[in-house]
PDB file of N, CA and C in Angstrom:
ATOM      1  N   UNK A   1     160.076  98.540 124.306  1.00  0.00           N
ATOM      2  CA  UNK A   1     159.942  99.575 123.299  1.00  0.00           C
ATOM      3  C   UNK A   1     158.832  99.163 122.332  1.00  0.00           C
ATOM      4  N   UNK A   2     158.047 100.138 121.935  1.00  0.00           N
ATOM      5  CA  UNK A   2     156.996  99.964 120.941  1.00  0.00           C
ATOM      6  C   UNK A   2     157.375 100.775 119.706  1.00  0.00           C
ATOM      7  N   UNK A   3     157.149 100.209 118.528  1.00  0.00           N
ATOM      8  CA  UNK A   3     157.492 100.895 117.289  1.00  0.00           C
ATOM      9  C   UNK A   3     156.290 100.914 116.354  1.00  0.00           C
ATOM     10  N   UNK A   4     156.032 102.080 115.775  1.00  0.00           N
ATOM     11  CA  UNK A   4     154.983 102.249 114.773  1.00  0.00           C
ATOM     12  C   UNK A   4     155.622 102.876 113.546  1.00  0.00           C
ATOM     13  N   UNK A   5     155.340 102.304 112.365  1.00  0.00           N
ATOM     14  CA  UNK A   5     155.865 102.867 111.128  1.00  0.00           C
ATOM     15  C   UNK A   5     154.717 103.122 110.164  1.00  0.00           C
ATOM     16  N   UNK A   6     154.981 103.972 109.204  1.00  0.00           N
ATOM     17  CA  UNK A   6     153.956 104.286 108.212  1.00  0.00           C
ATOM     18  C   UNK A   6     153.649 103.043 107.373  1.00  0.00           C
ATOM     19  N   UNK A   7     152.420 103.011 106.860  1.00  0.00           N
ATOM     20  CA  UNK A   7     152.006 101.982 105.904  1.00  0.00           C
ATOM     21  C   UNK A   7     150.923 102.594 105.025  1.00  0.00           C
ATOM     22  N   UNK A   8     150.323 101.811 104.171  1.00  0.00           N
ATOM     23  CA  UNK A   8     149.314 102.338 103.239  1.00  0.00           C
ATOM     24  C   UNK A   8     148.155 102.988 103.984  1.00  0.00           C
ATOM     25  N   UNK A   9     147.732 102.423 105.094  1.00  0.00           N
ATOM     26  CA  UNK A   9     146.607 102.988 105.857  1.00  0.00           C
ATOM     27  C   UNK A   9     146.976 104.297 106.544  1.00  0.00           C
ATOM     28  N   UNK A  10     148.153 104.374 107.170  1.00  0.00           N
ATOM     29  CA  UNK A  10     148.528 105.618 107.859  1.00  0.00           C
ATOM     30  C   UNK A  10     148.745 106.745 106.856  1.00  0.00           C
ATOM     31  N   UNK A  11     149.284 106.411 105.679  1.00  0.00           N
ATOM     32  CA  UNK A  11     149.548 107.451 104.678  1.00  0.00           C
ATOM     33  C   UNK A  11     148.259 108.070 104.138  1.00  0.00           C
ATOM     34  N   UNK A  12     147.116 107.373 104.253  1.00  0.00           N
ATOM     35  CA  UNK A  12     145.829 107.954 103.850  1.00  0.00           C
ATOM     36  C   UNK A  12     145.409 109.072 104.804  1.00  0.00           C
ATOM     37  N   UNK A  13     145.778 108.952 106.079  1.00  0.00           N
ATOM     38  CA  UNK A  13     145.367 109.922 107.096  1.00  0.00           C
ATOM     39  C   UNK A  13     146.458 110.930 107.442  1.00  0.00           C
ATOM     40  N   UNK A  14     147.698 110.527 107.288  1.00  0.00           N
ATOM     41  CA  UNK A  14     148.855 111.345 107.667  1.00  0.00           C
ATOM     42  C   UNK A  14     149.880 111.186 106.550  1.00  0.00           C
ATOM     43  N   UNK A  15     150.026 112.189 105.695  1.00  0.00           N
ATOM     44  CA  UNK A  15     150.776 112.015 104.439  1.00  0.00           C
ATOM     45  C   UNK A  15     152.301 112.104 104.566  1.00  0.00           C
ATOM     46  N   UNK A  16     152.856 111.533 105.622  1.00  0.00           N
ATOM     47  CA  UNK A  16     154.298 111.548 105.830  1.00  0.00           C
ATOM     48  C   UNK A  16     154.773 110.141 106.179  1.00  0.00           C
ATOM     49  N   UNK A  17     155.945 109.789 105.701  1.00  0.00           N
ATOM     50  CA  UNK A  17     156.581 108.551 106.140  1.00  0.00           C
ATOM     51  C   UNK A  17     157.230 108.828 107.488  1.00  0.00           C
ATOM     52  N   UNK A  18     157.165 107.849 108.392  1.00  0.00           N
ATOM     53  CA  UNK A  18     157.690 108.058 109.736  1.00  0.00           C
ATOM     54  C   UNK A  18     158.043 106.734 110.404  1.00  0.00           C
ATOM     55  N   UNK A  19     158.842 106.849 111.457  1.00  0.00           N
ATOM     56  CA  UNK A  19     159.093 105.763 112.396  1.00  0.00           C
ATOM     57  C   UNK A  19     158.937 106.389 113.780  1.00  0.00           C
ATOM     58  N   UNK A  20     158.033 105.864 114.587  1.00  0.00           N
ATOM     59  CA  UNK A  20     157.791 106.365 115.941  1.00  0.00           C
ATOM     60  C   UNK A  20     158.121 105.254 116.921  1.00  0.00           C
ATOM     61  N   UNK A  21     159.022 105.566 117.853  1.00  0.00           N
ATOM     62  CA  UNK A  21     159.419 104.587 118.871  1.00  0.00           C
ATOM     63  C   UNK A  21     159.089 105.155 120.244  1.00  0.00           C
ATOM     64  N   UNK A  22     158.375 104.376 121.046  1.00  0.00           N
ATOM     65  CA  UNK A  22     158.049 104.767 122.416  1.00  0.00           C
ATOM     66  C   UNK A  22     158.729 103.806 123.370  1.00  0.00           C
ATOM     67  N   UNK A  23     159.394 104.385 124.370  1.00  0.00           N
ATOM     68  CA  UNK A  23     160.055 103.589 125.393  1.00  0.00           C
ATOM     69  C   UNK A  23     159.515 104.025 126.749  1.00  0.00           C
ATOM     70  N   UNK A  24     159.164 103.046 127.579  1.00  0.00           N
ATOM     71  CA  UNK A  24     158.686 103.295 128.934  1.00  0.00           C
ATOM     72  C   UNK A  24     159.704 102.700 129.895  1.00  0.00           C
ATOM     73  N   UNK A  25     160.196 103.510 130.835  1.00  0.00           N
ATOM     74  CA  UNK A  25     161.172 103.050 131.815  1.00  0.00           C
ATOM     75  C   UNK A  25     160.659 103.382 133.211  1.00  0.00           C
ATOM     76  N   UNK A  26     160.395 102.357 133.993  1.00  0.00           N
ATOM     77  CA  UNK A  26     159.980 102.519 135.382  1.00  0.00           C
ATOM     78  C   UNK A  26     161.207 102.260 136.240  1.00  0.00           C
ATOM     79  N   UNK A  27     161.672 103.324 136.922  1.00  0.00           N
ATOM     80  CA  UNK A  27     162.907 103.215 137.678  1.00  0.00           C
ATOM     81  C   UNK A  27     162.781 104.018 138.963  1.00  0.00           C
ATOM     82  N   UNK A  28     163.099 103.391 140.082  1.00  0.00           N
ATOM     83  CA  UNK A  28     162.987 104.005 141.400  1.00  0.00           C
ATOM     84  C   UNK A  28     161.567 104.545 141.580  1.00  0.00           C
ATOM     85  N   UNK A  29     161.405 105.844 141.775  1.00  0.00           N
ATOM     86  CA  UNK A  29     160.078 106.436 141.977  1.00  0.00           C
ATOM     87  C   UNK A  29     159.609 107.214 140.764  1.00  0.00           C
ATOM     88  N   UNK A  30     160.072 106.867 139.578  1.00  0.00           N
ATOM     89  CA  UNK A  30     159.709 107.655 138.405  1.00  0.00           C
ATOM     90  C   UNK A  30     159.424 106.802 137.189  1.00  0.00           C
ATOM     91  N   UNK A  31     158.664 107.379 136.296  1.00  0.00           N
ATOM     92  CA  UNK A  31     158.362 106.781 135.001  1.00  0.00           C
ATOM     93  C   UNK A  31     158.885 107.736 133.939  1.00  0.00           C
ATOM     94  N   UNK A  32     159.719 107.230 133.063  1.00  0.00           N
ATOM     95  CA  UNK A  32     160.233 108.024 131.954  1.00  0.00           C
ATOM     96  C   UNK A  32     159.642 107.475 130.666  1.00  0.00           C
ATOM     97  N   UNK A  33     159.000 108.356 129.901  1.00  0.00           N
ATOM     98  CA  UNK A  33     158.452 107.989 128.595  1.00  0.00           C
ATOM     99  C   UNK A  33     159.264 108.752 127.557  1.00  0.00           C
ATOM    100  N   UNK A  34     159.831 108.019 126.618  1.00  0.00           N
ATOM    101  CA  UNK A  34     160.638 108.636 125.578  1.00  0.00           C
ATOM    102  C   UNK A  34     159.973 108.418 124.231  1.00  0.00           C
ATOM    103  N   UNK A  35     159.797 109.508 123.492  1.00  0.00           N
ATOM    104  CA  UNK A  35     159.257 109.461 122.134  1.00  0.00           C
ATOM    105  C   UNK A  35     160.417 109.751 121.185  1.00  0.00           C
ATOM    106  N   UNK A  36     160.655 108.848 120.273  1.00  0.00           N
ATOM    107  CA  UNK A  36     161.720 109.046 119.288  1.00  0.00           C
ATOM    108  C   UNK A  36     161.068 108.992 117.911  1.00  0.00           C
ATOM    109  N   UNK A  37     161.176 110.086 117.163  1.00  0.00           N
ATOM    110  CA  UNK A  37     160.562 110.181 115.834  1.00  0.00           C
ATOM    111  C   UNK A  37     161.670 110.251 114.793  1.00  0.00           C
ATOM    112  N   UNK A  38     161.550 109.396 113.787  1.00  0.00           N
ATOM    113  CA  UNK A  38     162.520 109.386 112.698  1.00  0.00           C
ATOM    114  C   UNK A  38     161.817 109.737 111.395  1.00  0.00           C
ATOM    115  N   UNK A  39     162.526 110.465 110.562  1.00  0.00           N
ATOM    116  CA  UNK A  39     162.022 110.836 109.245  1.00  0.00           C
ATOM    117  C   UNK A  39     162.792 110.035 108.187  1.00  0.00           C
ATOM    118  N   UNK A  40     162.180 108.975 107.638  1.00  0.00           N
ATOM    119  CA  UNK A  40     162.889 108.191 106.625  1.00  0.00           C
ATOM    120  C   UNK A  40     162.964 108.882 105.266  1.00  0.00           C
ATOM    121  N   UNK A  41     162.245 109.989 105.106  1.00  0.00           N
ATOM    122  CA  UNK A  41     162.257 110.743 103.851  1.00  0.00           C
ATOM    123  C   UNK A  41     163.223 111.912 104.004  1.00  0.00           C
ATOM    124  N   UNK A  42     164.406 111.777 103.472  1.00  0.00           N
ATOM    125  CA  UNK A  42     165.452 112.788 103.665  1.00  0.00           C
ATOM    126  C   UNK A  42     165.230 114.078 102.900  1.00  0.00           C
ATOM    127  N   UNK A  43     164.305 114.099 101.941  1.00  0.00           N
ATOM    128  CA  UNK A  43     164.147 115.309 101.127  1.00  0.00           C
ATOM    129  C   UNK A  43     163.077 116.262 101.642  1.00  0.00           C
ATOM    130  N   UNK A  44     162.101 115.783 102.378  1.00  0.00           N
ATOM    131  CA  UNK A  44     161.019 116.636 102.890  1.00  0.00           C
ATOM    132  C   UNK A  44     160.997 116.621 104.410  1.00  0.00           C
ATOM    133  N   UNK A  45     160.618 117.747 105.026  1.00  0.00           N
ATOM    134  CA  UNK A  45     160.515 117.766 106.490  1.00  0.00           C
ATOM    135  C   UNK A  45     159.342 116.902 106.967  1.00  0.00           C
ATOM    136  N   UNK A  46     159.427 116.461 108.209  1.00  0.00           N
ATOM    137  CA  UNK A  46     158.366 115.666 108.828  1.00  0.00           C
ATOM    138  C   UNK A  46     157.710 116.516 109.905  1.00  0.00           C
ATOM    139  N   UNK A  47     156.469 116.909 109.693  1.00  0.00           N
ATOM    140  CA  UNK A  47     155.718 117.681 110.681  1.00  0.00           C
ATOM    141  C   UNK A  47     154.916 116.715 111.527  1.00  0.00           C
ATOM    142  N   UNK A  48     155.021 116.857 112.851  1.00  0.00           N
ATOM    143  CA  UNK A  48     154.317 115.933 113.728  1.00  0.00           C
ATOM    144  C   UNK A  48     154.024 116.606 115.055  1.00  0.00           C
ATOM    145  N   UNK A  49     153.098 115.997 115.756  1.00  0.00           N
ATOM    146  CA  UNK A  49     152.743 116.430 117.093  1.00  0.00           C
ATOM    147  C   UNK A  49     152.486 115.175 117.908  1.00  0.00           C
ATOM    148  N   UNK A  50     153.064 115.095 119.084  1.00  0.00           N
ATOM    149  CA  UNK A  50     152.857 113.928 119.943  1.00  0.00           C
ATOM    150  C   UNK A  50     151.691 114.237 120.878  1.00  0.00           C
ATOM    151  N   UNK A  51     150.690 113.405 120.833  1.00  0.00           N
ATOM    152  CA  UNK A  51     149.531 113.564 121.711  1.00  0.00           C
ATOM    153  C   UNK A  51     149.575 112.573 122.853  1.00  0.00           C
ATOM    154  N   UNK A  52     150.699 112.526 123.551  1.00  0.00           N
ATOM    155  CA  UNK A  52     150.842 111.598 124.670  1.00  0.00           C
ATOM    156  C   UNK A  52     150.144 112.146 125.895  1.00  0.00           C
ATOM    157  N   UNK A  53     149.076 111.504 126.295  1.00  0.00           N
ATOM    158  CA  UNK A  53     148.296 111.985 127.432  1.00  0.00           C
ATOM    159  C   UNK A  53     148.077 110.852 128.429  1.00  0.00           C
ATOM    160  N   UNK A  54     149.156 110.393 129.086  1.00  0.00           N
ATOM    161  CA  UNK A  54     148.969 109.324 130.071  1.00  0.00           C
ATOM    162  C   UNK A  54     148.207 109.839 131.284  1.00  0.00           C
ATOM    163  N   UNK A  55     147.556 108.954 131.966  1.00  0.00           N
ATOM    164  CA  UNK A  55     146.811 109.338 133.161  1.00  0.00           C
ATOM    165  C   UNK A  55     147.286 108.562 134.370  1.00  0.00           C
ATOM    166  N   UNK A  56     147.373 109.229 135.496  1.00  0.00           N
ATOM    167  CA  UNK A  56     147.792 108.602 136.740  1.00  0.00           C
ATOM    168  C   UNK A  56     146.848 109.048 137.845  1.00  0.00           C
ATOM    169  N   UNK A  57     146.482 108.125 138.687  1.00  0.00           N
ATOM    170  CA  UNK A  57     145.637 108.491 139.820  1.00  0.00           C
ATOM    171  C   UNK A  57     146.546 108.892 140.969  1.00  0.00           C
ATOM    172  N   UNK A  58     146.523 110.176 141.296  1.00  0.00           N
ATOM    173  CA  UNK A  58     147.323 110.679 142.399  1.00  0.00           C
ATOM    174  C   UNK A  58     146.404 111.313 143.427  1.00  0.00           C
ATOM    175  N   UNK A  59     146.743 111.274 144.681  1.00  0.00           N
ATOM    176  CA  UNK A  59     148.029 110.876 145.235  1.00  0.00           C
ATOM    177  C   UNK A  59     148.232 109.355 145.195  1.00  0.00           C
ATOM    178  N   UNK A  60     149.498 108.978 145.147  1.00  0.00           N
ATOM    179  CA  UNK A  60     149.855 107.565 145.097  1.00  0.00           C
ATOM    180  C   UNK A  60     149.924 106.938 146.482  1.00  0.00           C
ATOM    181  N   UNK A  61     150.154 107.770 147.497  1.00  0.00           N
ATOM    182  CA  UNK A  61     150.244 107.273 148.869  1.00  0.00           C
ATOM    183  C   UNK A  61     149.377 108.147 149.775  1.00  0.00           C
ATOM    184  N   UNK A  62     149.027 107.604 150.926  1.00  0.00           N
ATOM    185  CA  UNK A  62     148.153 108.327 151.865  1.00  0.00           C
ATOM    186  C   UNK A  62     148.814 109.563 152.461  1.00  0.00           C
ATOM    187  N   UNK A  63     150.131 109.614 152.465  1.00  0.00           N
ATOM    188  CA  UNK A  63     150.807 110.744 153.093  1.00  0.00           C
ATOM    189  C   UNK A  63     151.140 111.870 152.104  1.00  0.00           C
ATOM    190  N   UNK A  64     150.558 111.817 150.893  1.00  0.00           N
ATOM    191  CA  UNK A  64     150.763 112.896 149.920  1.00  0.00           C
ATOM    192  C   UNK A  64     149.415 113.405 149.446  1.00  0.00           C
ATOM    193  N   UNK A  65     149.467 114.586 148.805  1.00  0.00           N
ATOM    194  CA  UNK A  65     148.252 115.159 148.237  1.00  0.00           C
ATOM    195  C   UNK A  65     148.485 115.467 146.758  1.00  0.00           C
ATOM    196  N   UNK A  66     147.429 115.725 146.023  1.00  0.00           N
ATOM    197  CA  UNK A  66     147.490 115.959 144.579  1.00  0.00           C
ATOM    198  C   UNK A  66     148.518 117.030 144.232  1.00  0.00           C
ATOM    199  N   UNK A  67     148.541 118.117 144.980  1.00  0.00           N
ATOM    200  CA  UNK A  67     149.408 119.251 144.690  1.00  0.00           C
ATOM    201  C   UNK A  67     150.883 118.962 144.964  1.00  0.00           C
ATOM    202  N   UNK A  68     151.201 117.802 145.557  1.00  0.00           N
ATOM    203  CA  UNK A  68     152.602 117.423 145.781  1.00  0.00           C
ATOM    204  C   UNK A  68     153.263 116.923 144.497  1.00  0.00           C
ATOM    205  N   UNK A  69     152.484 116.724 143.442  1.00  0.00           N
ATOM    206  CA  UNK A  69     152.995 116.138 142.208  1.00  0.00           C
ATOM    207  C   UNK A  69     153.194 117.205 141.137  1.00  0.00           C
ATOM    208  N   UNK A  70     154.060 116.910 140.181  1.00  0.00           N
ATOM    209  CA  UNK A  70     154.338 117.843 139.092  1.00  0.00           C
ATOM    210  C   UNK A  70     154.665 117.068 137.825  1.00  0.00           C
ATOM    211  N   UNK A  71     154.600 117.771 136.710  1.00  0.00           N
ATOM    212  CA  UNK A  71     155.070 117.231 135.437  1.00  0.00           C
ATOM    213  C   UNK A  71     156.448 117.812 135.189  1.00  0.00           C
ATOM    214  N   UNK A  72     157.392 116.957 134.871  1.00  0.00           N
ATOM    215  CA  UNK A  72     158.750 117.402 134.606  1.00  0.00           C
ATOM    216  C   UNK A  72     159.101 117.174 133.145  1.00  0.00           C
ATOM    217  N   UNK A  73     159.835 118.092 132.577  1.00  0.00           N
ATOM    218  CA  UNK A  73     160.235 118.021 131.181  1.00  0.00           C
ATOM    219  C   UNK A  73     161.755 117.961 131.105  1.00  0.00           C
ATOM    220  N   UNK A  74     162.274 117.089 130.260  1.00  0.00           N
ATOM    221  CA  UNK A  74     163.713 116.972 130.086  1.00  0.00           C
ATOM    222  C   UNK A  74     164.044 116.987 128.609  1.00  0.00           C
ATOM    223  N   UNK A  75     164.940 117.803 128.186  1.00  0.00           N
ATOM    224  CA  UNK A  75     165.603 118.839 128.979  1.00  0.00           C
ATOM    225  C   UNK A  75     164.667 120.018 129.208  1.00  0.00           C
ATOM    226  N   UNK A  76     164.950 120.786 130.250  1.00  0.00           N
ATOM    227  CA  UNK A  76     164.172 121.985 130.547  1.00  0.00           C
ATOM    228  C   UNK A  76     164.555 123.070 129.552  1.00  0.00           C
ATOM    229  N   UNK A  77     163.716 123.296 128.569  1.00  0.00           N
ATOM    230  CA  UNK A  77     163.954 124.341 127.573  1.00  0.00           C
ATOM    231  C   UNK A  77     162.628 124.691 126.925  1.00  0.00           C
ATOM    232  N   UNK A  78     162.562 125.857 126.337  1.00  0.00           N
ATOM    233  CA  UNK A  78     161.349 126.254 125.619  1.00  0.00           C
ATOM    234  C   UNK A  78     161.282 125.511 124.300  1.00  0.00           C
ATOM    235  N   UNK A  79     160.076 125.170 123.889  1.00  0.00           N
ATOM    236  CA  UNK A  79     159.867 124.478 122.630  1.00  0.00           C
ATOM    237  C   UNK A  79     158.811 125.216 121.834  1.00  0.00           C
ATOM    238  N   UNK A  80     158.959 125.236 120.536  1.00  0.00           N
ATOM    239  CA  UNK A  80     157.969 125.886 119.685  1.00  0.00           C
ATOM    240  C   UNK A  80     156.776 124.947 119.538  1.00  0.00           C
ATOM    241  N   UNK A  81     155.592 125.487 119.777  1.00  0.00           N
ATOM    242  CA  UNK A  81     154.356 124.729 119.610  1.00  0.00           C
ATOM    243  C   UNK A  81     153.660 125.277 118.373  1.00  0.00           C
ATOM    244  N   UNK A  82     153.417 124.387 117.408  1.00  0.00           N
ATOM    245  CA  UNK A  82     152.750 124.774 116.167  1.00  0.00           C
ATOM    246  C   UNK A  82     151.392 124.076 116.155  1.00  0.00           C
ATOM    247  N   UNK A  83     150.293 124.829 116.194  1.00  0.00           N
ATOM    248  CA  UNK A  83     148.965 124.209 116.239  1.00  0.00           C
ATOM    249  C   UNK A  83     148.624 123.460 114.950  1.00  0.00           C
ATOM    250  N   UNK A  84     147.904 122.368 115.125  1.00  0.00           N
ATOM    251  CA  UNK A  84     147.335 121.630 114.005  1.00  0.00           C
ATOM    252  C   UNK A  84     145.837 121.885 114.023  1.00  0.00           C
ATOM    253  N   UNK A  85     145.276 122.313 112.895  1.00  0.00           N
ATOM    254  CA  UNK A  85     143.855 122.646 112.798  1.00  0.00           C
ATOM    255  C   UNK A  85     143.163 121.584 111.952  1.00  0.00           C
ATOM    256  N   UNK A  86     142.117 120.986 112.518  1.00  0.00           N
ATOM    257  CA  UNK A  86     141.390 119.924 111.819  1.00  0.00           C
ATOM    258  C   UNK A  86     140.920 120.406 110.450  1.00  0.00           C
ATOM    259  N   UNK A  87     141.223 119.622 109.434  1.00  0.00           N
ATOM    260  CA  UNK A  87     140.794 119.938 108.079  1.00  0.00           C
ATOM    261  C   UNK A  87     141.639 120.977 107.370  1.00  0.00           C
ATOM    262  N   UNK A  88     142.542 121.650 108.111  1.00  0.00           N
ATOM    263  CA  UNK A  88     143.366 122.705 107.509  1.00  0.00           C
ATOM    264  C   UNK A  88     144.853 122.408 107.590  1.00  0.00           C
ATOM    265  N   UNK A  89     145.260 121.615 108.552  1.00  0.00           N
ATOM    266  CA  UNK A  89     146.672 121.284 108.689  1.00  0.00           C
ATOM    267  C   UNK A  89     147.399 122.175 109.666  1.00  0.00           C
ATOM    268  N   UNK A  90     148.609 122.517 109.334  1.00  0.00           N
ATOM    269  CA  UNK A  90     149.506 123.245 110.229  1.00  0.00           C
ATOM    270  C   UNK A  90     149.219 124.743 110.184  1.00  0.00           C
ATOM    271  N   UNK A  91     149.100 125.358 111.363  1.00  0.00           N
ATOM    272  CA  UNK A  91     148.799 126.780 111.474  1.00  0.00           C
ATOM    273  C   UNK A  91     150.045 127.528 111.947  1.00  0.00           C
ATOM    274  N   UNK A  92     150.947 127.834 111.014  1.00  0.00           N
ATOM    275  CA  UNK A  92     152.200 128.505 111.360  1.00  0.00           C
ATOM    276  C   UNK A  92     151.978 129.892 111.956  1.00  0.00           C
ATOM    277  N   UNK A  93     150.919 130.565 111.559  1.00  0.00           N
ATOM    278  CA  UNK A  93     150.677 131.944 112.010  1.00  0.00           C
ATOM    279  C   UNK A  93     150.432 132.033 113.507  1.00  0.00           C
ATOM    280  N   UNK A  94     150.008 130.936 114.147  1.00  0.00           N
ATOM    281  CA  UNK A  94     149.675 130.981 115.570  1.00  0.00           C
ATOM    282  C   UNK A  94     150.627 130.139 116.422  1.00  0.00           C
ATOM    283  N   UNK A  95     151.863 129.982 115.971  1.00  0.00           N
ATOM    284  CA  UNK A  95     152.816 129.207 116.765  1.00  0.00           C
ATOM    285  C   UNK A  95     153.235 130.026 117.989  1.00  0.00           C
ATOM    286  N   UNK A  96     153.516 129.326 119.071  1.00  0.00           N
ATOM    287  CA  UNK A  96     153.886 129.954 120.336  1.00  0.00           C
ATOM    288  C   UNK A  96     155.012 129.142 120.974  1.00  0.00           C
ATOM    289  N   UNK A  97     155.543 129.653 122.073  1.00  0.00           N
ATOM    290  CA  UNK A  97     156.495 128.878 122.859  1.00  0.00           C
ATOM    291  C   UNK A  97     155.726 128.078 123.895  1.00  0.00           C
ATOM    292  N   UNK A  98     156.015 126.787 123.957  1.00  0.00           N
ATOM    293  CA  UNK A  98     155.389 125.937 124.973  1.00  0.00           C
ATOM    294  C   UNK A  98     156.138 126.114 126.288  1.00  0.00           C
ATOM    295  N   UNK A  99     155.407 126.066 127.381  1.00  0.00           N
ATOM    296  CA  UNK A  99     156.006 126.265 128.705  1.00  0.00           C
ATOM    297  C   UNK A  99     156.606 124.952 129.209  1.00  0.00           C
ATOM    298  N   UNK A 100     157.747 124.590 128.658  1.00  0.00           N
ATOM    299  CA  UNK A 100     158.412 123.362 129.092  1.00  0.00           C
ATOM    300  C   UNK A 100     159.816 123.658 129.609  1.00  0.00           C
ATOM    301  N   UNK A 101     160.033 124.890 130.051  1.00  0.00           N
ATOM    302  CA  UNK A 101     161.341 125.261 130.584  1.00  0.00           C
ATOM    303  C   UNK A 101     161.358 125.228 132.109  1.00  0.00           C
ATOM    304  N   UNK A 102     160.305 124.677 132.724  1.00  0.00           N
ATOM    305  CA  UNK A 102     160.227 124.525 134.178  1.00  0.00           C
ATOM    306  C   UNK A 102     159.236 123.408 134.489  1.00  0.00           C
ATOM    307  N   UNK A 103     159.360 122.838 135.682  1.00  0.00           N
ATOM    308  CA  UNK A 103     158.392 121.823 136.091  1.00  0.00           C
ATOM    309  C   UNK A 103     157.020 122.459 136.247  1.00  0.00           C
ATOM    310  N   UNK A 104     155.983 121.686 135.972  1.00  0.00           N
ATOM    311  CA  UNK A 104     154.612 122.180 136.047  1.00  0.00           C
ATOM    312  C   UNK A 104     153.926 121.533 137.243  1.00  0.00           C
ATOM    313  N   UNK A 105     153.694 122.333 138.294  1.00  0.00           N
ATOM    314  CA  UNK A 105     153.029 121.846 139.503  1.00  0.00           C
ATOM    315  C   UNK A 105     151.583 121.521 139.171  1.00  0.00           C
ATOM    316  N   UNK A 106     151.081 120.390 139.656  1.00  0.00           N
ATOM    317  CA  UNK A 106     149.706 120.003 139.377  1.00  0.00           C
ATOM    318  C   UNK A 106     148.715 120.752 140.253  1.00  0.00           C
ATOM    319  N   UNK A 107     147.630 121.170 139.640  1.00  0.00           N
ATOM    320  CA  UNK A 107     146.508 121.803 140.340  1.00  0.00           C
ATOM    321  C   UNK A 107     145.225 121.284 139.695  1.00  0.00           C
ATOM    322  N   UNK A 108     144.192 121.091 140.471  1.00  0.00           N
ATOM    323  CA  UNK A 108     142.931 120.556 139.944  1.00  0.00           C
ATOM    324  C   UNK A 108     142.343 121.437 138.853  1.00  0.00           C
ATOM    325  N   UNK A 109     142.617 122.762 138.875  1.00  0.00           N
ATOM    326  CA  UNK A 109     142.079 123.665 137.856  1.00  0.00           C
ATOM    327  C   UNK A 109     142.558 123.305 136.450  1.00  0.00           C
ATOM    328  N   UNK A 110     143.710 122.645 136.336  1.00  0.00           N
ATOM    329  CA  UNK A 110     144.226 122.249 135.023  1.00  0.00           C
ATOM    330  C   UNK A 110     143.326 121.242 134.336  1.00  0.00           C
ATOM    331  N   UNK A 111     142.563 120.516 135.137  1.00  0.00           N
ATOM    332  CA  UNK A 111     141.789 119.405 134.590  1.00  0.00           C
ATOM    333  C   UNK A 111     140.311 119.679 134.661  1.00  0.00           C
TER     334      UNK A 111
END
């Protein structure tokens, strides 16, 4: 597990107190990455966005192809996506539902 907490330097760029814990679990044929965000400030909400963009070279074996792979989300449910705009902050007016209620089949057009 990796842990990152706010300090004087992070508060200059991101004005919220936080605790971010990342856990990586390699088990059988899968990798599970867990992001756990804690808000140590009980009086104000903590607005955040996780920019986790791991990369994997697929196919992993000669008997598979790129399109055999997918991104899976747990739990499968819709999530509200609130855009962050550089220099302006949170853009509530353009929030949408993120498509995380089903597995996302990989296609080269995505990249």
